[in-house]
Amino acid sequence: MLEREFPFSELFFDYLNCLQTLAAVISSPEPALRRFELALLGHLGYGVDFLHCAGSGEPVADAMTYSYREEKGFIASLVAGQRSFTGRQLRALWERDFPDADTLRAAKRFTRIALKPYLGGKPLKSTELFRQFVPKKRPDAASE
């Protein structure tokens, strides 16, 4: 995914930060992973304006729906679909802050869409990787 012999020192700093956050996380690793994926996209030169409508240039409105179009950005839309995001979700992506399940799901959906062309049809392995490290709950653990 990365160009050979290109200095990605900032990317590796973001990677280290992600690993440190994941090591300290007690609950969900998802916010740290989404922040890293968004940083990775930035390092790959994938600049997306989350705060302005690509069609009009106007600032995004929290309650408005925007449809994502590759190489263009987010365009105001009345139709909701897999590539649609609210202005509130776009603001969360820009801030890299996911205060609730809705914004976290939107971040995951966006990073999957945006990373897909770079992955050459291969899936991300993060879920599989984390399953190896998350302890499985024992059936009798609920009674303890």
Protein backbone atom coordinates (compact mmCIF):
# COMPACT_ATOMS: atom_id res chain seq x y z
CA MET A 1 0.00 0.00 0.00
CA LEU A 2 2.89 2.36 0.72
CA GLU A 3 5.49 3.52 -1.79
CA ARG A 4 8.85 1.85 -1.33
CA GLU A 5 11.65 3.93 0.18
CA PHE A 6 9.32 6.83 0.94
CA PRO A 7 9.85 8.26 4.44
CA PHE A 8 6.65 7.60 6.38
CA SER A 9 8.01 8.58 9.80
CA GLU A 10 4.82 10.46 10.71
CA LEU A 11 2.73 7.45 9.71
CA PHE A 12 4.78 5.18 11.94
CA PHE A 13 4.37 7.69 14.78
CA ASP A 14 0.60 7.44 14.23
CA TYR A 15 0.94 3.64 14.17
CA LEU A 16 2.89 3.66 17.45
CA ASN A 17 0.29 5.96 19.01
CA CYS A 18 -2.45 3.58 17.87
CA LEU A 19 -0.66 0.57 19.35
CA GLN A 20 -0.13 2.37 22.66
CA THR A 21 -3.78 3.37 22.77
CA LEU A 22 -4.87 -0.19 21.96
CA ALA A 23 -2.63 -1.57 24.71
CA ALA A 24 -4.29 0.75 27.23
CA VAL A 25 -7.87 0.33 26.01
CA ILE A 26 -10.21 -1.55 28.28
CA SER A 27 -13.31 -1.24 26.15
CA SER A 28 -13.53 -1.09 22.35
CA PRO A 29 -10.45 -0.75 20.13
CA GLU A 30 -12.62 0.72 17.35
CA PRO A 31 -12.02 4.48 17.96
CA ALA A 32 -8.23 4.02 17.92
CA LEU A 33 -8.43 1.94 14.75
CA ARG A 34 -10.63 4.49 12.98
CA ARG A 35 -8.27 7.33 13.94
CA PHE A 36 -5.31 5.37 12.56
CA GLU A 37 -7.14 4.50 9.34
CA LEU A 38 -8.02 8.17 8.81
CA ALA A 39 -4.38 9.13 9.48
CA LEU A 40 -3.25 6.45 7.00
CA LEU A 41 -5.53 7.89 4.33
CA GLY A 42 -4.06 11.32 4.97
CA HIS A 43 -0.50 10.01 4.62
CA LEU A 44 -1.45 8.31 1.36
CA GLY A 45 -2.44 11.74 0.05
CA TYR A 46 -6.14 11.02 0.26
CA GLY A 47 -7.31 14.47 1.19
CA VAL A 48 -11.02 14.71 1.85
CA ASP A 49 -12.79 17.87 2.93
CA PHE A 50 -15.22 16.70 5.59
CA LEU A 51 -16.44 20.19 6.40
CA HIS A 52 -17.66 21.49 3.04
CA CYS A 53 -20.08 20.29 0.39
CA ALA A 54 -18.10 19.45 -2.76
CA GLY A 55 -21.00 20.60 -4.92
CA SER A 56 -21.63 24.03 -3.44
CA GLY A 57 -18.61 24.77 -1.27
CA GLU A 58 -20.96 25.56 1.61
CA PRO A 59 -20.17 24.28 5.13
CA VAL A 60 -21.83 20.96 5.93
CA ALA A 61 -24.98 21.16 8.05
CA ASP A 62 -25.28 18.63 10.87
CA ALA A 63 -28.76 17.40 9.90
CA MET A 64 -28.16 17.34 6.11
CA THR A 65 -27.25 14.14 4.25
CA TYR A 66 -24.19 14.02 1.99
CA SER A 67 -23.28 11.34 -0.52
CA TYR A 68 -19.61 10.44 -0.87
CA ARG A 69 -18.18 10.43 -4.38
CA GLU A 70 -14.61 9.28 -4.97
CA GLU A 71 -12.25 12.00 -6.15
CA LYS A 72 -14.95 14.64 -5.52
CA GLY A 73 -15.92 14.51 -1.87
CA PHE A 74 -19.27 14.84 -0.14
CA ILE A 75 -22.19 16.24 -2.09
CA ALA A 76 -25.56 17.18 -0.57
CA SER A 77 -28.12 14.49 -1.29
CA LEU A 78 -31.73 13.68 -0.52
CA VAL A 79 -31.11 9.97 -1.03
CA ALA A 80 -29.62 7.95 1.84
CA GLY A 81 -27.47 4.94 1.04
CA GLN A 82 -24.24 3.12 1.89
CA ARG A 83 -22.18 6.14 0.81
CA SER A 84 -24.33 8.67 2.67
CA PHE A 85 -23.29 10.50 5.81
CA THR A 86 -24.86 13.24 7.88
CA GLY A 87 -23.06 16.50 8.43
CA ARG A 88 -22.75 15.51 12.11
CA GLN A 89 -20.96 12.30 11.12
CA LEU A 90 -18.66 14.21 8.76
CA ARG A 91 -17.73 16.61 11.53
CA ALA A 92 -16.87 13.63 13.77
CA LEU A 93 -14.65 12.22 11.02
CA TRP A 94 -12.84 15.54 10.68
CA GLU A 95 -12.39 15.84 14.46
CA ARG A 96 -11.39 12.15 14.76
CA ASP A 97 -13.79 11.98 17.71
CA PHE A 98 -16.51 9.36 17.85
CA PRO A 99 -18.75 10.09 20.85
CA ASP A 100 -21.39 7.47 20.04
CA ALA A 101 -22.08 4.26 18.13
CA ASP A 102 -23.56 6.16 15.17
CA THR A 103 -20.43 8.22 14.48
CA LEU A 104 -18.21 5.19 15.07
CA ARG A 105 -20.17 3.10 12.53
CA ALA A 106 -20.00 5.99 10.05
CA ALA A 107 -16.23 6.23 10.51
CA LYS A 108 -15.82 2.50 9.88
CA ARG A 109 -18.04 2.66 6.81
CA PHE A 110 -16.12 5.62 5.40
CA THR A 111 -12.66 4.14 6.00
CA ARG A 112 -13.74 0.87 4.35
CA ILE A 113 -14.96 2.77 1.29
CA ALA A 114 -11.87 4.99 1.10
CA LEU A 115 -9.29 2.24 1.74
CA LYS A 116 -10.83 -0.23 -0.69
CA PRO A 117 -8.99 1.08 -3.81
CA TYR A 118 -5.66 0.88 -1.96
CA LEU A 119 -6.17 -2.68 -0.75
CA GLY A 120 -6.48 -4.24 -4.19
CA GLY A 121 -9.55 -6.26 -3.23
CA LYS A 122 -7.94 -7.68 -0.11
CA PRO A 123 -9.84 -7.35 3.19
CA LEU A 124 -8.42 -5.65 6.26
CA LYS A 125 -7.15 -8.16 8.78
CA SER A 126 -7.66 -6.09 11.93
CA THR A 127 -10.77 -7.95 13.12
CA GLU A 128 -9.08 -11.31 12.65
CA LEU A 129 -5.96 -10.04 14.40
CA PHE A 130 -7.84 -8.70 17.42
CA ARG A 131 -9.80 -11.92 17.87
CA GLN A 132 -6.49 -13.60 18.68
CA PHE A 133 -5.84 -11.24 21.58
CA VAL A 134 -9.30 -10.71 23.07
CA PRO A 135 -9.92 -13.28 25.81
CA LYS A 136 -12.95 -15.45 25.18
CA LYS A 137 -15.67 -15.31 27.80
CA ARG A 138 -16.33 -18.56 29.59
CA PRO A 139 -19.99 -19.65 29.66
CA ASP A 140 -19.91 -19.73 33.48
CA ALA A 141 -18.23 -16.29 33.78
CA ALA A 142 -21.62 -14.52 34.05
CA SER A 143 -22.29 -16.20 37.39
CA GLU A 144 -19.01 -15.02 38.96
